Amino acid sequence: MSHQTVPLTALLEGQTAKVQLLRVQGSMRRRLQDLGVIQGTPIQCLQRSPAGDPVAYRIRGTTIALRQRDCQDILVEANF
């Protein structure tokens, strides 16, 4: 398996990765950090909605739903 830095949107259901970088600014960045989306934190893709948006993720023991457009600027290190 190799490690790759990819957008959070690339994770498949059940896959876990570590947060590497937030390319989000302003209030959305602050909101994500408050939810625990910070460098080095594991995040798991739990389930995609039938339409594909939003997606449920588990982070620090909590399940959160994020829209795809917000996830594309969260870079994670995943094993593929």
PDB file of N, CA and C in Angstrom:
ATOM      1  N   MET A   1       0.834  -1.192   0.000  1.00  0.00           N
ATOM      2  CA  MET A   1       0.000   0.000   0.000  1.00  0.00           C
ATOM      3  C   MET A   1       0.874   1.249   0.000  1.00  0.00           C
ATOM      4  N   SER A   2       0.429   2.235  -0.743  1.00  0.00           N
ATOM      5  CA  SER A   2       1.168   3.488  -0.758  1.00  0.00           C
ATOM      6  C   SER A   2       0.319   4.586  -0.139  1.00  0.00           C
ATOM      7  N   HIS A   3       0.993   5.560   0.435  1.00  0.00           N
ATOM      8  CA  HIS A   3       0.310   6.710   1.035  1.00  0.00           C
ATOM      9  C   HIS A   3       0.190   7.793  -0.026  1.00  0.00           C
ATOM     10  N   GLN A   4      -0.993   8.373  -0.116  1.00  0.00           N
ATOM     11  CA  GLN A   4      -1.221   9.455  -1.057  1.00  0.00           C
ATOM     12  C   GLN A   4      -1.971  10.579  -0.360  1.00  0.00           C
ATOM     13  N   THR A   5      -1.641  11.811  -0.729  1.00  0.00           N
ATOM     14  CA  THR A   5      -2.400  12.954  -0.240  1.00  0.00           C
ATOM     15  C   THR A   5      -3.464  13.265  -1.272  1.00  0.00           C
ATOM     16  N   VAL A   6      -4.721  13.172  -0.836  1.00  0.00           N
ATOM     17  CA  VAL A   6      -5.865  13.345  -1.724  1.00  0.00           C
ATOM     18  C   VAL A   6      -6.924  14.191  -1.026  1.00  0.00           C
ATOM     19  N   PRO A   7      -7.871  14.734  -1.780  1.00  0.00           N
ATOM     20  CA  PRO A   7      -8.989  15.433  -1.128  1.00  0.00           C
ATOM     21  C   PRO A   7      -9.837  14.440  -0.345  1.00  0.00           C
ATOM     22  N   LEU A   8     -10.478  14.901   0.704  1.00  0.00           N
ATOM     23  CA  LEU A   8     -11.334  14.052   1.518  1.00  0.00           C
ATOM     24  C   LEU A   8     -12.410  13.382   0.671  1.00  0.00           C
ATOM     25  N   THR A   9     -12.827  14.009  -0.405  1.00  0.00           N
ATOM     26  CA  THR A   9     -13.857  13.450  -1.283  1.00  0.00           C
ATOM     27  C   THR A   9     -13.423  12.138  -1.927  1.00  0.00           C
ATOM     28  N   ALA A  10     -12.124  11.846  -1.955  1.00  0.00           N
ATOM     29  CA  ALA A  10     -11.617  10.625  -2.595  1.00  0.00           C
ATOM     30  C   ALA A  10     -11.782   9.379  -1.726  1.00  0.00           C
ATOM     31  N   LEU A  11     -12.077   9.559  -0.435  1.00  0.00           N
ATOM     32  CA  LEU A  11     -12.216   8.395   0.439  1.00  0.00           C
ATOM     33  C   LEU A  11     -13.448   7.581   0.076  1.00  0.00           C
ATOM     34  N   LEU A  12     -13.297   6.280   0.141  1.00  0.00           N
ATOM     35  CA  LEU A  12     -14.406   5.365  -0.074  1.00  0.00           C
ATOM     36  C   LEU A  12     -15.056   5.055   1.265  1.00  0.00           C
ATOM     37  N   GLU A  13     -16.300   4.588   1.230  1.00  0.00           N
ATOM     38  CA  GLU A  13     -16.981   4.225   2.472  1.00  0.00           C
ATOM     39  C   GLU A  13     -16.155   3.207   3.244  1.00  0.00           C
ATOM     40  N   GLY A  14     -15.971   3.460   4.532  1.00  0.00           N
ATOM     41  CA  GLY A  14     -15.198   2.576   5.398  1.00  0.00           C
ATOM     42  C   GLY A  14     -13.713   2.897   5.461  1.00  0.00           C
ATOM     43  N   GLN A  15     -13.227   3.723   4.579  1.00  0.00           N
ATOM     44  CA  GLN A  15     -11.808   4.058   4.533  1.00  0.00           C
ATOM     45  C   GLN A  15     -11.478   5.167   5.528  1.00  0.00           C
ATOM     46  N   THR A  16     -10.316   5.033   6.165  1.00  0.00           N
ATOM     47  CA  THR A  16      -9.841   6.019   7.138  1.00  0.00           C
ATOM     48  C   THR A  16      -8.568   6.665   6.624  1.00  0.00           C
ATOM     49  N   ALA A  17      -8.404   7.934   6.899  1.00  0.00           N
ATOM     50  CA  ALA A  17      -7.208   8.681   6.507  1.00  0.00           C
ATOM     51  C   ALA A  17      -6.887   9.687   7.603  1.00  0.00           C
ATOM     52  N   LYS A  18      -5.718  10.321   7.496  1.00  0.00           N
ATOM     53  CA  LYS A  18      -5.331  11.372   8.445  1.00  0.00           C
ATOM     54  C   LYS A  18      -5.367  12.721   7.751  1.00  0.00           C
ATOM     55  N   VAL A  19      -5.929  13.699   8.449  1.00  0.00           N
ATOM     56  CA  VAL A  19      -5.996  15.061   7.925  1.00  0.00           C
ATOM     57  C   VAL A  19      -4.571  15.603   7.783  1.00  0.00           C
ATOM     58  N   GLN A  20      -4.275  16.173   6.619  1.00  0.00           N
ATOM     59  CA  GLN A  20      -2.961  16.755   6.365  1.00  0.00           C
ATOM     60  C   GLN A  20      -3.000  18.277   6.261  1.00  0.00           C
ATOM     61  N   LEU A  21      -4.027  18.799   5.583  1.00  0.00           N
ATOM     62  CA  LEU A  21      -4.043  20.240   5.305  1.00  0.00           C
ATOM     63  C   LEU A  21      -5.462  20.714   5.052  1.00  0.00           C
ATOM     64  N   LEU A  22      -5.785  21.873   5.594  1.00  0.00           N
ATOM     65  CA  LEU A  22      -7.054  22.541   5.299  1.00  0.00           C
ATOM     66  C   LEU A  22      -6.758  23.711   4.369  1.00  0.00           C
ATOM     67  N   ARG A  23      -7.320  23.670   3.168  1.00  0.00           N
ATOM     68  CA  ARG A  23      -7.152  24.783   2.227  1.00  0.00           C
ATOM     69  C   ARG A  23      -8.359  25.713   2.276  1.00  0.00           C
ATOM     70  N   VAL A  24      -9.145  25.599   3.321  1.00  0.00           N
ATOM     71  CA  VAL A  24     -10.351  26.398   3.525  1.00  0.00           C
ATOM     72  C   VAL A  24      -9.979  27.612   4.378  1.00  0.00           C
ATOM     73  N   GLN A  25     -10.634  28.733   4.124  1.00  0.00           N
ATOM     74  CA  GLN A  25     -10.361  29.945   4.889  1.00  0.00           C
ATOM     75  C   GLN A  25     -11.632  30.452   5.562  1.00  0.00           C
ATOM     76  N   GLY A  26     -11.471  31.405   6.434  1.00  0.00           N
ATOM     77  CA  GLY A  26     -12.599  32.102   7.042  1.00  0.00           C
ATOM     78  C   GLY A  26     -13.413  31.267   8.016  1.00  0.00           C
ATOM     79  N   SER A  27     -14.712  31.520   8.028  1.00  0.00           N
ATOM     80  CA  SER A  27     -15.587  30.886   9.005  1.00  0.00           C
ATOM     81  C   SER A  27     -15.695  29.377   8.800  1.00  0.00           C
ATOM     82  N   MET A  28     -15.603  28.904   7.562  1.00  0.00           N
ATOM     83  CA  MET A  28     -15.654  27.458   7.324  1.00  0.00           C
ATOM     84  C   MET A  28     -14.425  26.775   7.913  1.00  0.00           C
ATOM     85  N   ARG A  29     -13.279  27.379   7.805  1.00  0.00           N
ATOM     86  CA  ARG A  29     -12.059  26.816   8.399  1.00  0.00           C
ATOM     87  C   ARG A  29     -12.216  26.701   9.920  1.00  0.00           C
ATOM     88  N   ARG A  30     -12.729  27.752  10.519  1.00  0.00           N
ATOM     89  CA  ARG A  30     -12.936  27.777  11.964  1.00  0.00           C
ATOM     90  C   ARG A  30     -13.940  26.699  12.383  1.00  0.00           C
ATOM     91  N   ARG A  31     -15.010  26.555  11.612  1.00  0.00           N
ATOM     92  CA  ARG A  31     -16.032  25.546  11.910  1.00  0.00           C
ATOM     93  C   ARG A  31     -15.430  24.141  11.843  1.00  0.00           C
ATOM     94  N   LEU A  32     -14.665  23.870  10.789  1.00  0.00           N
ATOM     95  CA  LEU A  32     -14.050  22.553  10.644  1.00  0.00           C
ATOM     96  C   LEU A  32     -13.072  22.268  11.785  1.00  0.00           C
ATOM     97  N   GLN A  33     -12.290  23.262  12.158  1.00  0.00           N
ATOM     98  CA  GLN A  33     -11.354  23.080  13.267  1.00  0.00           C
ATOM     99  C   GLN A  33     -12.102  22.835  14.570  1.00  0.00           C
ATOM    100  N   ASP A  34     -13.206  23.520  14.781  1.00  0.00           N
ATOM    101  CA  ASP A  34     -14.025  23.296  15.980  1.00  0.00           C
ATOM    102  C   ASP A  34     -14.576  21.872  16.021  1.00  0.00           C
ATOM    103  N   LEU A  35     -14.835  21.301  14.839  1.00  0.00           N
ATOM    104  CA  LEU A  35     -15.321  19.926  14.748  1.00  0.00           C
ATOM    105  C   LEU A  35     -14.205  18.899  14.925  1.00  0.00           C
ATOM    106  N   GLY A  36     -12.954  19.377  14.974  1.00  0.00           N
ATOM    107  CA  GLY A  36     -11.822  18.473  15.178  1.00  0.00           C
ATOM    108  C   GLY A  36     -11.053  18.141  13.924  1.00  0.00           C
ATOM    109  N   VAL A  37     -11.374  18.786  12.813  1.00  0.00           N
ATOM    110  CA  VAL A  37     -10.672  18.543  11.557  1.00  0.00           C
ATOM    111  C   VAL A  37      -9.372  19.346  11.585  1.00  0.00           C
ATOM    112  N   ILE A  38      -8.347  18.741  12.207  1.00  0.00           N
ATOM    113  CA  ILE A  38      -7.033  19.378  12.306  1.00  0.00           C
ATOM    114  C   ILE A  38      -5.965  18.383  11.885  1.00  0.00           C
ATOM    115  N   GLN A  39      -4.808  18.893  11.525  1.00  0.00           N
ATOM    116  CA  GLN A  39      -3.721  18.059  11.012  1.00  0.00           C
ATOM    117  C   GLN A  39      -3.422  16.890  11.950  1.00  0.00           C
ATOM    118  N   GLY A  40      -3.299  15.698  11.337  1.00  0.00           N
ATOM    119  CA  GLY A  40      -2.942  14.499  12.075  1.00  0.00           C
ATOM    120  C   GLY A  40      -4.110  13.716  12.645  1.00  0.00           C
ATOM    121  N   THR A  41      -5.311  14.262  12.573  1.00  0.00           N
ATOM    122  CA  THR A  41      -6.487  13.600  13.135  1.00  0.00           C
ATOM    123  C   THR A  41      -7.042  12.574  12.147  1.00  0.00           C
ATOM    124  N   PRO A  42      -7.296  11.344  12.607  1.00  0.00           N
ATOM    125  CA  PRO A  42      -7.932  10.353  11.728  1.00  0.00           C
ATOM    126  C   PRO A  42      -9.380  10.737  11.424  1.00  0.00           C
ATOM    127  N   ILE A  43      -9.799  10.472  10.194  1.00  0.00           N
ATOM    128  CA  ILE A  43     -11.170  10.723   9.765  1.00  0.00           C
ATOM    129  C   ILE A  43     -11.605   9.554   8.896  1.00  0.00           C
ATOM    130  N   GLN A  44     -12.820   9.066   9.126  1.00  0.00           N
ATOM    131  CA  GLN A  44     -13.316   7.898   8.400  1.00  0.00           C
ATOM    132  C   GLN A  44     -14.573   8.254   7.622  1.00  0.00           C
ATOM    133  N   CYS A  45     -14.620   7.818   6.380  1.00  0.00           N
ATOM    134  CA  CYS A  45     -15.818   7.984   5.564  1.00  0.00           C
ATOM    135  C   CYS A  45     -16.795   6.889   5.957  1.00  0.00           C
ATOM    136  N   LEU A  46     -17.948   7.274   6.495  1.00  0.00           N
ATOM    137  CA  LEU A  46     -18.929   6.297   6.958  1.00  0.00           C
ATOM    138  C   LEU A  46     -19.948   5.945   5.887  1.00  0.00           C
ATOM    139  N   GLN A  47     -20.571   6.971   5.307  1.00  0.00           N
ATOM    140  CA  GLN A  47     -21.663   6.695   4.379  1.00  0.00           C
ATOM    141  C   GLN A  47     -21.938   7.891   3.490  1.00  0.00           C
ATOM    142  N   ARG A  48     -22.193   7.610   2.232  1.00  0.00           N
ATOM    143  CA  ARG A  48     -22.604   8.651   1.298  1.00  0.00           C
ATOM    144  C   ARG A  48     -24.126   8.616   1.179  1.00  0.00           C
ATOM    145  N   SER A  49     -24.727   9.777   1.057  1.00  0.00           N
ATOM    146  CA  SER A  49     -26.174   9.805   0.862  1.00  0.00           C
ATOM    147  C   SER A  49     -26.475   9.226  -0.524  1.00  0.00           C
ATOM    148  N   PRO A  50     -27.706   8.792  -0.766  1.00  0.00           N
ATOM    149  CA  PRO A  50     -28.039   8.213  -2.070  1.00  0.00           C
ATOM    150  C   PRO A  50     -27.693   9.134  -3.249  1.00  0.00           C
ATOM    151  N   ALA A  51     -27.818  10.421  -3.059  1.00  0.00           N
ATOM    152  CA  ALA A  51     -27.476  11.373  -4.125  1.00  0.00           C
ATOM    153  C   ALA A  51     -25.978  11.685  -4.141  1.00  0.00           C
ATOM    154  N   GLY A  52     -25.231  11.190  -3.140  1.00  0.00           N
ATOM    155  CA  GLY A  52     -23.787  11.414  -3.088  1.00  0.00           C
ATOM    156  C   GLY A  52     -23.367  12.634  -2.291  1.00  0.00           C
ATOM    157  N   ASP A  53     -24.323  13.419  -1.827  1.00  0.00           N
ATOM    158  CA  ASP A  53     -23.982  14.639  -1.101  1.00  0.00           C
ATOM    159  C   ASP A  53     -25.104  14.936  -0.106  1.00  0.00           C
ATOM    160  N   PRO A  54     -24.883  15.068   1.164  1.00  0.00           N
ATOM    161  CA  PRO A  54     -23.588  15.108   1.858  1.00  0.00           C
ATOM    162  C   PRO A  54     -23.074  13.697   2.161  1.00  0.00           C
ATOM    163  N   VAL A  55     -21.905  13.679   2.792  1.00  0.00           N
ATOM    164  CA  VAL A  55     -21.250  12.429   3.191  1.00  0.00           C
ATOM    165  C   VAL A  55     -21.053  12.460   4.703  1.00  0.00           C
ATOM    166  N   ALA A  56     -21.285  11.325   5.345  1.00  0.00           N
ATOM    167  CA  ALA A  56     -21.091  11.217   6.799  1.00  0.00           C
ATOM    168  C   ALA A  56     -19.668  10.753   7.080  1.00  0.00           C
ATOM    169  N   TYR A  57     -19.001  11.437   7.987  1.00  0.00           N
ATOM    170  CA  TYR A  57     -17.638  11.107   8.403  1.00  0.00           C
ATOM    171  C   TYR A  57     -17.598  10.960   9.914  1.00  0.00           C
ATOM    172  N   ARG A  58     -16.714  10.100  10.397  1.00  0.00           N
ATOM    173  CA  ARG A  58     -16.483   9.976  11.832  1.00  0.00           C
ATOM    174  C   ARG A  58     -15.133  10.612  12.130  1.00  0.00           C
ATOM    175  N   ILE A  59     -15.161  11.535  13.084  1.00  0.00           N
ATOM    176  CA  ILE A  59     -13.936  12.195  13.511  1.00  0.00           C
ATOM    177  C   ILE A  59     -14.012  12.408  15.017  1.00  0.00           C
ATOM    178  N   ARG A  60     -12.996  11.961  15.702  1.00  0.00           N
ATOM    179  CA  ARG A  60     -12.914  12.080  17.169  1.00  0.00           C
ATOM    180  C   ARG A  60     -14.166  11.544  17.870  1.00  0.00           C
ATOM    181  N   GLY A  61     -14.696  10.418  17.357  1.00  0.00           N
ATOM    182  CA  GLY A  61     -15.840   9.775  17.988  1.00  0.00           C
ATOM    183  C   GLY A  61     -17.189  10.383  17.664  1.00  0.00           C
ATOM    184  N   THR A  62     -17.207  11.383  16.800  1.00  0.00           N
ATOM    185  CA  THR A  62     -18.449  12.066  16.438  1.00  0.00           C
ATOM    186  C   THR A  62     -18.713  11.891  14.946  1.00  0.00           C
ATOM    187  N   THR A  63     -19.957  11.734  14.590  1.00  0.00           N
ATOM    188  CA  THR A  63     -20.334  11.647  13.179  1.00  0.00           C
ATOM    189  C   THR A  63     -20.780  13.021  12.704  1.00  0.00           C
ATOM    190  N   ILE A  64     -20.180  13.462  11.600  1.00  0.00           N
ATOM    191  CA  ILE A  64     -20.541  14.757  11.018  1.00  0.00           C
ATOM    192  C   ILE A  64     -20.857  14.555   9.539  1.00  0.00           C
ATOM    193  N   ALA A  65     -21.717  15.392   9.008  1.00  0.00           N
ATOM    194  CA  ALA A  65     -22.051  15.356   7.585  1.00  0.00           C
ATOM    195  C   ALA A  65     -21.447  16.590   6.933  1.00  0.00           C
ATOM    196  N   LEU A  66     -20.728  16.364   5.848  1.00  0.00           N
ATOM    197  CA  LEU A  66     -20.101  17.466   5.130  1.00  0.00           C
ATOM    198  C   LEU A  66     -20.478  17.411   3.656  1.00  0.00           C
ATOM    199  N   ARG A  67     -20.649  18.571   3.056  1.00  0.00           N
ATOM    200  CA  ARG A  67     -20.932  18.651   1.625  1.00  0.00           C
ATOM    201  C   ARG A  67     -19.640  18.423   0.837  1.00  0.00           C
ATOM    202  N   GLN A  68     -19.792  17.896  -0.350  1.00  0.00           N
ATOM    203  CA  GLN A  68     -18.648  17.611  -1.210  1.00  0.00           C
ATOM    204  C   GLN A  68     -17.807  18.867  -1.469  1.00  0.00           C
ATOM    205  N   ARG A  69     -18.464  20.001  -1.693  1.00  0.00           N
ATOM    206  CA  ARG A  69     -17.705  21.221  -2.013  1.00  0.00           C
ATOM    207  C   ARG A  69     -16.831  21.668  -0.844  1.00  0.00           C
ATOM    208  N   ASP A  70     -17.229  21.320   0.389  1.00  0.00           N
ATOM    209  CA  ASP A  70     -16.409  21.660   1.549  1.00  0.00           C
ATOM    210  C   ASP A  70     -15.265  20.662   1.720  1.00  0.00           C
ATOM    211  N   CYS A  71     -15.500  19.418   1.318  1.00  0.00           N
ATOM    212  CA  CYS A  71     -14.503  18.354   1.493  1.00  0.00           C
ATOM    213  C   CYS A  71     -13.368  18.417   0.484  1.00  0.00           C
ATOM    214  N   GLN A  72     -13.587  19.031  -0.648  1.00  0.00           N
ATOM    215  CA  GLN A  72     -12.561  19.049  -1.683  1.00  0.00           C
ATOM    216  C   GLN A  72     -11.324  19.855  -1.254  1.00  0.00           C
ATOM    217  N   ASP A  73     -11.477  20.721  -0.268  1.00  0.00           N
ATOM    218  CA  ASP A  73     -10.351  21.527   0.206  1.00  0.00           C
ATOM    219  C   ASP A  73      -9.769  21.015   1.517  1.00  0.00           C
ATOM    220  N   ILE A  74     -10.152  19.798   1.903  1.00  0.00           N
ATOM    221  CA  ILE A  74      -9.554  19.109   3.051  1.00  0.00           C
ATOM    222  C   ILE A  74      -8.677  18.014   2.483  1.00  0.00           C
ATOM    223  N   LEU A  75      -7.369  18.149   2.639  1.00  0.00           N
ATOM    224  CA  LEU A  75      -6.450  17.140   2.120  1.00  0.00           C
ATOM    225  C   LEU A  75      -6.131  16.143   3.215  1.00  0.00           C
ATOM    226  N   VAL A  76      -6.157  14.856   2.846  1.00  0.00           N
ATOM    227  CA  VAL A  76      -5.902  13.773   3.787  1.00  0.00           C
ATOM    228  C   VAL A  76      -4.848  12.826   3.223  1.00  0.00           C
ATOM    229  N   GLU A  77      -4.189  12.108   4.108  1.00  0.00           N
ATOM    230  CA  GLU A  77      -3.241  11.078   3.697  1.00  0.00           C
ATOM    231  C   GLU A  77      -3.936   9.735   3.831  1.00  0.00           C
ATOM    232  N   ALA A  78      -4.118   9.061   2.696  1.00  0.00           N
ATOM    233  CA  ALA A  78      -4.854   7.796   2.683  1.00  0.00           C
ATOM    234  C   ALA A  78      -3.956   6.677   2.174  1.00  0.00           C
ATOM    235  N   ASN A  79      -4.312   5.451   2.549  1.00  0.00           N
ATOM    236  CA  ASN A  79      -3.638   4.261   2.042  1.00  0.00           C
ATOM    237  C   ASN A  79      -4.445   3.694   0.887  1.00  0.00           C
ATOM    238  N   PHE A  80      -3.820   3.581  -0.274  1.00  0.00           N
ATOM    239  CA  PHE A  80      -4.498   2.987  -1.433  1.00  0.00           C
ATOM    240  C   PHE A  80      -3.745   1.773  -1.891  1.00  0.00           C
TER     241      PHE A  80
END
